[in-house]
Amino acid sequence: MGIEPWAVYALEFGSAGGFTQSGGHGPLMGAYGVSDDQALEWEVVTATGQHLIVSPTHHADLYWALSGGEGGNFAVVLSMKIRVYNNGPVAGVAFSFKNDISTAYWTAVGTWLQNLLVLDTIKSYHILDNYS
């Protein structure tokens, strides 16, 4: 189809729970915003046992609480409907050096940046330094 959710990598471990409800920070947030901004509606069960579909127009207070109010605090989320975007290229790298950041580090970063796809077609790229 050529479309995918903003945080497609998160769907395998339950994007509707803590990841999205806790903000959902990720490498594409510069292009699309955080994951909780992508929720269109939530299917939930409340503490009183009510089964609800909440959105900006139905049970709006609960919708906004779920959209960034920390996972699991307001209702049990059964599912969510999220905004999707056209597929596009992304790139990522993690550099890990044992010593202080040196000329070798910046040479590696420069080489990686020179070999990226055309930057204006990439929605996001991430550089993590001293990552382990």
Protein backbone atom coordinates (compact mmCIF):
# COMPACT_ATOMS: atom_id res chain seq x y z
CA MET A 1 0.00 0.00 0.00
CA GLY A 2 2.89 2.37 0.53
CA ILE A 3 1.79 3.60 3.95
CA GLU A 4 2.82 2.69 7.45
CA PRO A 5 2.33 3.84 11.03
CA TRP A 6 4.77 6.38 12.39
CA ALA A 7 6.21 3.91 14.90
CA VAL A 8 5.95 0.70 12.90
CA TYR A 9 8.81 -0.88 14.84
CA ALA A 10 6.83 -0.44 18.05
CA LEU A 11 3.74 -2.34 16.90
CA GLU A 12 5.34 -5.69 17.59
CA PHE A 13 5.53 -5.02 21.31
CA GLY A 14 2.29 -3.15 21.82
CA SER A 15 2.33 0.42 20.57
CA ALA A 16 -1.13 1.04 22.04
CA GLY A 17 0.06 0.71 25.62
CA GLY A 18 2.95 2.39 27.33
CA PHE A 19 4.93 3.39 24.24
CA THR A 20 2.30 5.65 22.72
CA GLN A 21 0.60 6.67 25.95
CA SER A 22 3.93 7.78 27.41
CA GLY A 23 4.70 10.06 24.50
CA GLY A 24 6.26 7.72 21.98
CA HIS A 25 9.56 9.43 21.25
CA GLY A 26 11.41 8.07 18.26
CA PRO A 27 13.56 8.87 15.27
CA LEU A 28 10.68 10.17 13.12
CA MET A 29 9.31 12.65 15.65
CA GLY A 30 11.11 15.50 13.90
CA ALA A 31 9.04 14.84 10.79
CA TYR A 32 5.70 13.75 12.28
CA GLY A 33 5.66 14.56 15.98
CA VAL A 34 5.62 12.08 18.84
CA SER A 35 3.63 8.86 18.61
CA ASP A 36 0.87 9.92 21.02
CA ASP A 37 0.01 12.77 18.60
CA GLN A 38 -0.84 10.13 15.98
CA ALA A 39 -3.69 8.49 17.93
CA LEU A 40 -7.07 9.11 16.29
CA GLU A 41 -9.09 7.04 18.75
CA TRP A 42 -8.64 4.57 21.59
CA GLU A 43 -10.72 1.49 22.42
CA VAL A 44 -10.64 1.09 26.19
CA VAL A 45 -12.21 -0.48 29.25
CA THR A 46 -12.47 1.86 32.22
CA ALA A 47 -12.07 0.97 35.90
CA THR A 48 -15.87 0.83 36.16
CA GLY A 49 -16.03 -1.74 33.35
CA GLN A 50 -17.28 0.56 30.61
CA HIS A 51 -16.18 -0.39 27.11
CA LEU A 52 -15.59 2.89 25.23
CA ILE A 53 -14.27 4.23 21.96
CA VAL A 54 -12.73 7.60 22.83
CA SER A 55 -11.73 10.34 20.38
CA PRO A 56 -11.39 14.12 20.35
CA THR A 57 -15.18 14.33 19.97
CA HIS A 58 -16.34 11.39 22.16
CA HIS A 59 -15.15 11.25 25.79
CA ALA A 60 -12.63 13.96 24.90
CA ASP A 61 -11.18 14.26 28.42
CA LEU A 62 -10.27 10.57 28.44
CA TYR A 63 -8.92 10.79 24.89
CA TRP A 64 -6.52 13.59 25.82
CA ALA A 65 -5.51 11.84 29.05
CA LEU A 66 -4.64 8.68 27.09
CA SER A 67 -2.76 10.68 24.46
CA GLY A 68 0.31 11.34 26.56
CA GLY A 69 -0.83 10.93 30.15
CA GLU A 70 1.41 7.90 30.81
CA GLY A 71 0.43 4.33 30.01
CA GLY A 72 -2.20 2.51 32.03
CA ASN A 73 -3.27 5.31 34.34
CA PHE A 74 -6.72 6.07 32.96
CA ALA A 75 -8.10 2.93 31.29
CA VAL A 76 -7.02 -0.41 29.87
CA VAL A 77 -6.29 0.09 26.17
CA LEU A 78 -7.57 -2.69 23.93
CA SER A 79 -6.69 -1.07 20.61
CA MET A 80 -6.09 2.22 18.92
CA LYS A 81 -6.60 3.77 15.52
CA ILE A 82 -3.57 5.75 14.37
CA ARG A 83 -2.61 8.10 11.58
CA VAL A 84 -0.38 6.56 8.89
CA TYR A 85 2.11 8.13 6.48
CA ASN A 86 3.60 7.29 3.11
CA ASN A 87 6.66 5.07 3.26
CA GLY A 88 9.97 6.81 2.81
CA PRO A 89 13.67 6.29 3.32
CA VAL A 90 15.20 6.61 6.78
CA ALA A 91 18.72 6.04 8.01
CA GLY A 92 20.31 5.35 11.37
CA VAL A 93 23.67 4.62 12.88
CA ALA A 94 25.19 4.13 16.32
CA PHE A 95 28.84 4.97 16.90
CA SER A 96 30.59 3.56 19.94
CA PHE A 97 34.14 4.57 20.80
CA LYS A 98 35.92 3.60 23.99
CA ASN A 99 37.95 6.80 24.35
CA ASP A 100 36.95 10.43 24.24
CA ILE A 101 35.41 11.62 21.00
CA SER A 102 38.34 12.02 18.64
CA THR A 103 39.25 12.71 15.05
CA ALA A 104 38.46 9.06 14.24
CA TYR A 105 34.94 9.55 15.59
CA TRP A 106 34.28 12.64 13.48
CA THR A 107 35.80 10.94 10.42
CA ALA A 108 33.34 8.07 10.87
CA VAL A 109 30.42 10.49 11.31
CA GLY A 110 31.49 12.44 8.21
CA THR A 111 31.79 9.29 6.12
CA TRP A 112 28.33 8.16 7.17
CA LEU A 113 26.79 11.56 6.41
CA GLN A 114 28.43 11.66 2.96
CA ASN A 115 26.89 8.30 2.10
CA LEU A 116 23.34 9.10 3.14
CA LEU A 117 20.64 9.15 0.53
CA VAL A 118 19.66 12.60 -0.67
CA LEU A 119 18.99 14.38 2.63
CA ASP A 120 15.85 16.19 1.52
CA THR A 121 14.14 12.84 0.83
CA ILE A 122 14.95 11.32 4.22
CA LYS A 123 12.37 12.01 6.92
CA SER A 124 14.78 11.26 9.71
CA TYR A 125 18.25 10.19 10.54
CA HIS A 126 19.67 9.52 13.96
CA ILE A 127 23.22 9.57 15.27
CA LEU A 128 23.88 8.10 18.70
CA ASP A 129 27.33 8.53 20.15
CA ASN A 130 28.95 6.39 22.83
CA TYR A 131 25.92 4.13 22.63
CA SER A 132 26.17 0.66 24.09
